[in-house]
PDB file of all heavy atoms in Angstrom:
ATOM      1  N   GLY A   1      29.222 -13.874  22.372  1.00  0.00           N
ATOM      2  CA  GLY A   1      29.341 -14.454  20.978  1.00  0.00           C
ATOM      3  C   GLY A   1      29.442 -13.191  20.121  1.00  0.00           C
ATOM      4  O   GLY A   1      29.223 -12.039  20.471  1.00  0.00           O
ATOM      5  N   TYR A   2      29.630 -13.342  18.809  1.00  0.00           N
ATOM      6  CA  TYR A   2      29.772 -12.228  17.824  1.00  0.00           C
ATOM      7  C   TYR A   2      29.413 -12.671  16.495  1.00  0.00           C
ATOM      8  O   TYR A   2      29.594 -13.910  16.217  1.00  0.00           O
ATOM      9  CB  TYR A   2      31.118 -11.485  17.958  1.00  0.00           C
ATOM     10  CG  TYR A   2      32.209 -12.401  17.617  1.00  0.00           C
ATOM     11  CD1 TYR A   2      32.726 -12.387  16.238  1.00  0.00           C
ATOM     12  CD2 TYR A   2      33.054 -12.932  18.535  1.00  0.00           C
ATOM     13  CE1 TYR A   2      33.918 -13.143  15.873  1.00  0.00           C
ATOM     14  CE2 TYR A   2      34.129 -13.697  18.191  1.00  0.00           C
ATOM     15  CZ  TYR A   2      34.513 -13.829  16.868  1.00  0.00           C
ATOM     16  OH  TYR A   2      35.666 -14.494  16.435  1.00  0.00           O
ATOM     17  N   VAL A   3      28.909 -11.824  15.714  1.00  0.00           N
ATOM     18  CA  VAL A   3      28.700 -12.044  14.393  1.00  0.00           C
ATOM     19  C   VAL A   3      29.615 -11.091  13.540  1.00  0.00           C
ATOM     20  O   VAL A   3      29.704  -9.912  13.817  1.00  0.00           O
ATOM     21  CB  VAL A   3      27.286 -11.751  13.926  1.00  0.00           C
ATOM     22  CG1 VAL A   3      27.018 -11.934  12.407  1.00  0.00           C
ATOM     23  CG2 VAL A   3      26.449 -12.662  14.620  1.00  0.00           C
ATOM     24  N   ALA A   4      30.476 -11.575  12.542  1.00  0.00           N
ATOM     25  CA  ALA A   4      31.411 -10.907  11.849  1.00  0.00           C
ATOM     26  C   ALA A   4      30.999 -10.951  10.364  1.00  0.00           C
ATOM     27  O   ALA A   4      30.680 -12.007   9.756  1.00  0.00           O
ATOM     28  CB  ALA A   4      32.873 -11.584  12.119  1.00  0.00           C
ATOM     29  N   GLY A   5      31.098  -9.702   9.714  1.00  0.00           N
ATOM     30  CA  GLY A   5      30.779  -9.761   8.276  1.00  0.00           C
ATOM     31  C   GLY A   5      30.774  -8.304   7.793  1.00  0.00           C
ATOM     32  O   GLY A   5      31.660  -7.518   8.176  1.00  0.00           O
ATOM     33  N   SER A   6      29.743  -7.940   6.953  1.00  0.00           N
ATOM     34  CA  SER A   6      29.796  -6.683   6.317  1.00  0.00           C
ATOM     35  C   SER A   6      29.232  -5.573   7.341  1.00  0.00           C
ATOM     36  O   SER A   6      28.553  -5.928   8.447  1.00  0.00           O
ATOM     37  CB  SER A   6      28.997  -6.636   5.053  1.00  0.00           C
ATOM     38  OG  SER A   6      27.576  -6.811   5.422  1.00  0.00           O
ATOM     39  N   GLN A   7      29.346  -4.294   7.028  1.00  0.00           N
ATOM     40  CA  GLN A   7      28.900  -3.262   7.733  1.00  0.00           C
ATOM     41  C   GLN A   7      27.288  -3.174   7.735  1.00  0.00           C
ATOM     42  O   GLN A   7      26.628  -2.992   8.677  1.00  0.00           O
ATOM     43  CB  GLN A   7      29.299  -1.961   7.362  1.00  0.00           C
ATOM     44  CG  GLN A   7      28.958  -0.705   8.051  1.00  0.00           C
ATOM     45  CD  GLN A   7      29.356  -0.638   9.614  1.00  0.00           C
ATOM     46  OE1 GLN A   7      30.565  -1.070   9.861  1.00  0.00           O
ATOM     47  NE2 GLN A   7      28.653  -0.233  10.561  1.00  0.00           N
ATOM     48  N   ALA A   8      26.789  -3.618   6.608  1.00  0.00           N
ATOM     49  CA  ALA A   8      25.318  -3.677   6.428  1.00  0.00           C
ATOM     50  C   ALA A   8      24.743  -4.623   7.247  1.00  0.00           C
ATOM     51  O   ALA A   8      23.608  -4.638   7.850  1.00  0.00           O
ATOM     52  CB  ALA A   8      24.931  -3.846   4.960  1.00  0.00           C
ATOM     53  N   LEU A   9      25.403  -5.781   7.363  1.00  0.00           N
ATOM     54  CA  LEU A   9      24.914  -6.957   8.265  1.00  0.00           C
ATOM     55  C   LEU A   9      24.948  -6.510   9.665  1.00  0.00           C
ATOM     56  O   LEU A   9      23.950  -6.669  10.446  1.00  0.00           O
ATOM     57  CB  LEU A   9      25.858  -8.201   8.061  1.00  0.00           C
ATOM     58  CG  LEU A   9      25.608  -9.294   9.073  1.00  0.00           C
ATOM     59  CD1 LEU A   9      24.202  -9.916   8.796  1.00  0.00           C
ATOM     60  CD2 LEU A   9      26.799 -10.419   8.962  1.00  0.00           C
ATOM     61  N   ARG A  10      25.909  -5.737  10.145  1.00  0.00           N
ATOM     62  CA  ARG A  10      26.029  -5.304  11.454  1.00  0.00           C
ATOM     63  C   ARG A  10      24.855  -4.351  11.770  1.00  0.00           C
ATOM     64  O   ARG A  10      24.166  -4.444  12.739  1.00  0.00           O
ATOM     65  CB  ARG A  10      27.218  -4.636  11.777  1.00  0.00           C
ATOM     66  CG  ARG A  10      27.343  -4.083  13.210  1.00  0.00           C
ATOM     67  CD  ARG A  10      28.746  -3.240  13.532  1.00  0.00           C
ATOM     68  NE  ARG A  10      29.032  -2.947  14.849  1.00  0.00           N
ATOM     69  CZ  ARG A  10      28.352  -2.013  15.523  1.00  0.00           C
ATOM     70  NH1 ARG A  10      27.648  -1.165  14.973  1.00  0.00           N
ATOM     71  NH2 ARG A  10      28.608  -1.908  16.850  1.00  0.00           N
ATOM     72  N   GLU A  11      24.508  -3.391  10.841  1.00  0.00           N
ATOM     73  CA  GLU A  11      23.566  -2.433  10.951  1.00  0.00           C
ATOM     74  C   GLU A  11      22.121  -2.991  11.118  1.00  0.00           C
ATOM     75  O   GLU A  11      21.382  -2.691  11.895  1.00  0.00           O
ATOM     76  CB  GLU A  11      23.567  -1.414   9.831  1.00  0.00           C
ATOM     77  CG  GLU A  11      24.940  -0.580   9.843  1.00  0.00           C
ATOM     78  CD  GLU A  11      25.065   0.229  11.117  1.00  0.00           C
ATOM     79  OE1 GLU A  11      23.967   0.768  11.600  1.00  0.00           O
ATOM     80  OE2 GLU A  11      26.132   0.322  11.533  1.00  0.00           O
ATOM     81  N   ILE A  12      21.902  -4.055  10.161  1.00  0.00           N
ATOM     82  CA  ILE A  12      20.504  -4.625  10.240  1.00  0.00           C
ATOM     83  C   ILE A  12      20.356  -5.459  11.502  1.00  0.00           C
ATOM     84  O   ILE A  12      19.249  -5.489  12.008  1.00  0.00           O
ATOM     85  CB  ILE A  12      20.285  -5.577   9.035  1.00  0.00           C
ATOM     86  CG1 ILE A  12      18.869  -5.681   8.765  1.00  0.00           C
ATOM     87  CG2 ILE A  12      20.988  -6.907   9.026  1.00  0.00           C
ATOM     88  CD1 ILE A  12      18.081  -4.428   8.309  1.00  0.00           C
ATOM     89  N   LEU A  13      21.482  -6.051  11.994  1.00  0.00           N
ATOM     90  CA  LEU A  13      21.241  -6.683  13.263  1.00  0.00           C
ATOM     91  C   LEU A  13      21.118  -5.764  14.464  1.00  0.00           C
ATOM     92  O   LEU A  13      20.329  -6.168  15.316  1.00  0.00           O
ATOM     93  CB  LEU A  13      22.539  -7.542  13.584  1.00  0.00           C
ATOM     94  CG  LEU A  13      22.911  -8.818  12.672  1.00  0.00           C
ATOM     95  CD1 LEU A  13      24.191  -9.359  12.841  1.00  0.00           C
ATOM     96  CD2 LEU A  13      21.665  -9.742  12.756  1.00  0.00           C
ATOM     97  N   THR A  14      21.530  -4.704  14.485  1.00  0.00           N
ATOM     98  CA  THR A  14      21.406  -3.667  15.534  1.00  0.00           C
ATOM     99  C   THR A  14      19.936  -3.205  15.564  1.00  0.00           C
ATOM    100  O   THR A  14      19.398  -2.752  16.470  1.00  0.00           O
ATOM    101  CB  THR A  14      22.276  -2.455  15.493  1.00  0.00           C
ATOM    102  OG1 THR A  14      21.930  -1.701  14.275  1.00  0.00           O
ATOM    103  CG2 THR A  14      23.758  -2.833  15.372  1.00  0.00           C
ATOM    104  N   GLN A  15      19.192  -3.293  14.348  1.00  0.00           N
ATOM    105  CA  GLN A  15      17.861  -2.797  14.280  1.00  0.00           C
ATOM    106  C   GLN A  15      16.854  -3.847  14.380  1.00  0.00           C
ATOM    107  O   GLN A  15      15.737  -3.619  14.839  1.00  0.00           O
ATOM    108  CB  GLN A  15      17.680  -2.167  12.791  1.00  0.00           C
ATOM    109  CG  GLN A  15      18.638  -1.177  12.483  1.00  0.00           C
ATOM    110  CD  GLN A  15      18.621   0.074  13.459  1.00  0.00           C
ATOM    111  OE1 GLN A  15      17.531   0.680  13.865  1.00  0.00           O
ATOM    112  NE2 GLN A  15      19.698   0.362  14.180  1.00  0.00           N
ATOM    113  N   ARG A  16      17.272  -5.198  14.211  1.00  0.00           N
ATOM    114  CA  ARG A  16      16.129  -6.191  14.149  1.00  0.00           C
ATOM    115  C   ARG A  16      16.387  -7.469  14.954  1.00  0.00           C
ATOM    116  O   ARG A  16      15.555  -8.232  15.115  1.00  0.00           O
ATOM    117  CB  ARG A  16      15.936  -6.560  12.607  1.00  0.00           C
ATOM    118  CG  ARG A  16      15.384  -5.500  11.869  1.00  0.00           C
ATOM    119  CD  ARG A  16      15.062  -5.934  10.400  1.00  0.00           C
ATOM    120  NE  ARG A  16      14.429  -4.883   9.617  1.00  0.00           N
ATOM    121  CZ  ARG A  16      14.259  -4.922   8.243  1.00  0.00           C
ATOM    122  NH1 ARG A  16      14.627  -6.117   7.733  1.00  0.00           N
ATOM    123  NH2 ARG A  16      13.740  -3.897   7.646  1.00  0.00           N
ATOM    124  N   ALA A  17      17.751  -7.752  15.241  1.00  0.00           N
ATOM    125  CA  ALA A  17      18.060  -9.024  15.969  1.00  0.00           C
ATOM    126  C   ALA A  17      17.401  -9.016  17.455  1.00  0.00           C
ATOM    127  O   ALA A  17      17.984  -8.249  18.160  1.00  0.00           O
ATOM    128  CB  ALA A  17      19.535  -9.297  15.943  1.00  0.00           C
ATOM    129  N   ARG A  18      16.552  -9.880  17.692  1.00  0.00           N
ATOM    130  CA  ARG A  18      15.872  -9.702  18.930  1.00  0.00           C
ATOM    131  C   ARG A  18      16.768 -10.074  20.160  1.00  0.00           C
ATOM    132  O   ARG A  18      16.597  -9.356  21.143  1.00  0.00           O
ATOM    133  CB  ARG A  18      14.699 -10.728  18.996  1.00  0.00           C
ATOM    134  CG  ARG A  18      13.527 -10.385  17.930  1.00  0.00           C
ATOM    135  CD  ARG A  18      12.472 -11.350  17.751  1.00  0.00           C
ATOM    136  NE  ARG A  18      11.630 -11.471  18.918  1.00  0.00           N
ATOM    137  CZ  ARG A  18      10.532 -10.570  19.123  1.00  0.00           C
ATOM    138  NH1 ARG A  18      10.348  -9.550  18.349  1.00  0.00           N
ATOM    139  NH2 ARG A  18       9.907 -10.723  20.227  1.00  0.00           N
ATOM    140  N   PRO A  19      17.646 -11.022  20.162  1.00  0.00           N
ATOM    141  CA  PRO A  19      18.538 -11.094  21.353  1.00  0.00           C
ATOM    142  C   PRO A  19      19.374  -9.905  21.665  1.00  0.00           C
ATOM    143  O   PRO A  19      19.657  -9.608  22.738  1.00  0.00           O
ATOM    144  CB  PRO A  19      19.525 -12.292  20.993  1.00  0.00           C
ATOM    145  CG  PRO A  19      18.598 -13.018  19.980  1.00  0.00           C
ATOM    146  CD  PRO A  19      17.927 -12.029  19.163  1.00  0.00           C
ATOM    147  N   PHE A  20      19.723  -9.067  20.503  1.00  0.00           N
ATOM    148  CA  PHE A  20      20.466  -7.896  20.673  1.00  0.00           C
ATOM    149  C   PHE A  20      19.626  -6.856  21.338  1.00  0.00           C
ATOM    150  O   PHE A  20      19.969  -5.967  22.204  1.00  0.00           O
ATOM    151  CB  PHE A  20      21.090  -7.393  19.436  1.00  0.00           C
ATOM    152  CG  PHE A  20      21.739  -6.156  19.499  1.00  0.00           C
ATOM    153  CD1 PHE A  20      23.138  -6.187  19.825  1.00  0.00           C
ATOM    154  CD2 PHE A  20      21.138  -5.038  19.175  1.00  0.00           C
ATOM    155  CE1 PHE A  20      23.826  -4.825  19.943  1.00  0.00           C
ATOM    156  CE2 PHE A  20      21.869  -3.736  19.149  1.00  0.00           C
ATOM    157  CZ  PHE A  20      23.167  -3.695  19.582  1.00  0.00           C
ATOM    158  N   LEU A  21      18.404  -6.759  20.732  1.00  0.00           N
ATOM    159  CA  LEU A  21      17.351  -5.586  21.100  1.00  0.00           C
ATOM    160  C   LEU A  21      16.828  -5.832  22.513  1.00  0.00           C
ATOM    161  O   LEU A  21      16.440  -4.789  23.206  1.00  0.00           O
ATOM    162  CB  LEU A  21      16.389  -5.553  20.091  1.00  0.00           C
ATOM    163  CG  LEU A  21      16.642  -5.165  18.698  1.00  0.00           C
ATOM    164  CD1 LEU A  21      15.485  -5.263  17.744  1.00  0.00           C
ATOM    165  CD2 LEU A  21      17.098  -3.771  18.694  1.00  0.00           C
ATOM    166  N   PHE A  22      16.779  -7.007  23.080  1.00  0.00           N
ATOM    167  CA  PHE A  22      16.135  -7.268  24.276  1.00  0.00           C
ATOM    168  C   PHE A  22      16.922  -7.908  25.325  1.00  0.00           C
ATOM    169  O   PHE A  22      16.375  -8.463  26.314  1.00  0.00           O
ATOM    170  CB  PHE A  22      14.851  -8.032  24.037  1.00  0.00           C
ATOM    171  CG  PHE A  22      13.881  -7.379  23.050  1.00  0.00           C
ATOM    172  CD1 PHE A  22      13.743  -7.842  21.817  1.00  0.00           C
ATOM    173  CD2 PHE A  22      13.021  -6.434  23.503  1.00  0.00           C
ATOM    174  CE1 PHE A  22      12.816  -7.200  20.993  1.00  0.00           C
ATOM    175  CE2 PHE A  22      12.183  -5.860  22.706  1.00  0.00           C
ATOM    176  CZ  PHE A  22      11.997  -6.158  21.340  1.00  0.00           C
ATOM    177  N   SER A  23      18.247  -7.710  25.259  1.00  0.00           N
ATOM    178  CA  SER A  23      19.077  -8.340  26.387  1.00  0.00           C
ATOM    179  C   SER A  23      20.128  -7.167  26.774  1.00  0.00           C
ATOM    180  O   SER A  23      20.685  -6.559  25.851  1.00  0.00           O
ATOM    181  CB  SER A  23      19.885  -9.560  25.875  1.00  0.00           C
ATOM    182  OG  SER A  23      18.966 -10.603  25.583  1.00  0.00           O
ATOM    183  N   THR A  24      20.316  -7.046  28.144  1.00  0.00           N
ATOM    184  CA  THR A  24      21.284  -6.112  28.486  1.00  0.00           C
ATOM    185  C   THR A  24      22.713  -6.492  27.966  1.00  0.00           C
ATOM    186  O   THR A  24      23.033  -7.617  27.958  1.00  0.00           O
ATOM    187  CB  THR A  24      21.294  -6.141  30.112  1.00  0.00           C
ATOM    188  OG1 THR A  24      19.899  -5.651  30.550  1.00  0.00           O
ATOM    189  CG2 THR A  24      22.359  -5.150  30.590  1.00  0.00           C
TER     190      THR A  24
END
């Protein structure tokens, strides 16, 4: 899946979104 939006949205997700941070 993917999330599409602003650059700031992408950046905050790379820092805090738990499925992104803890899944290969």
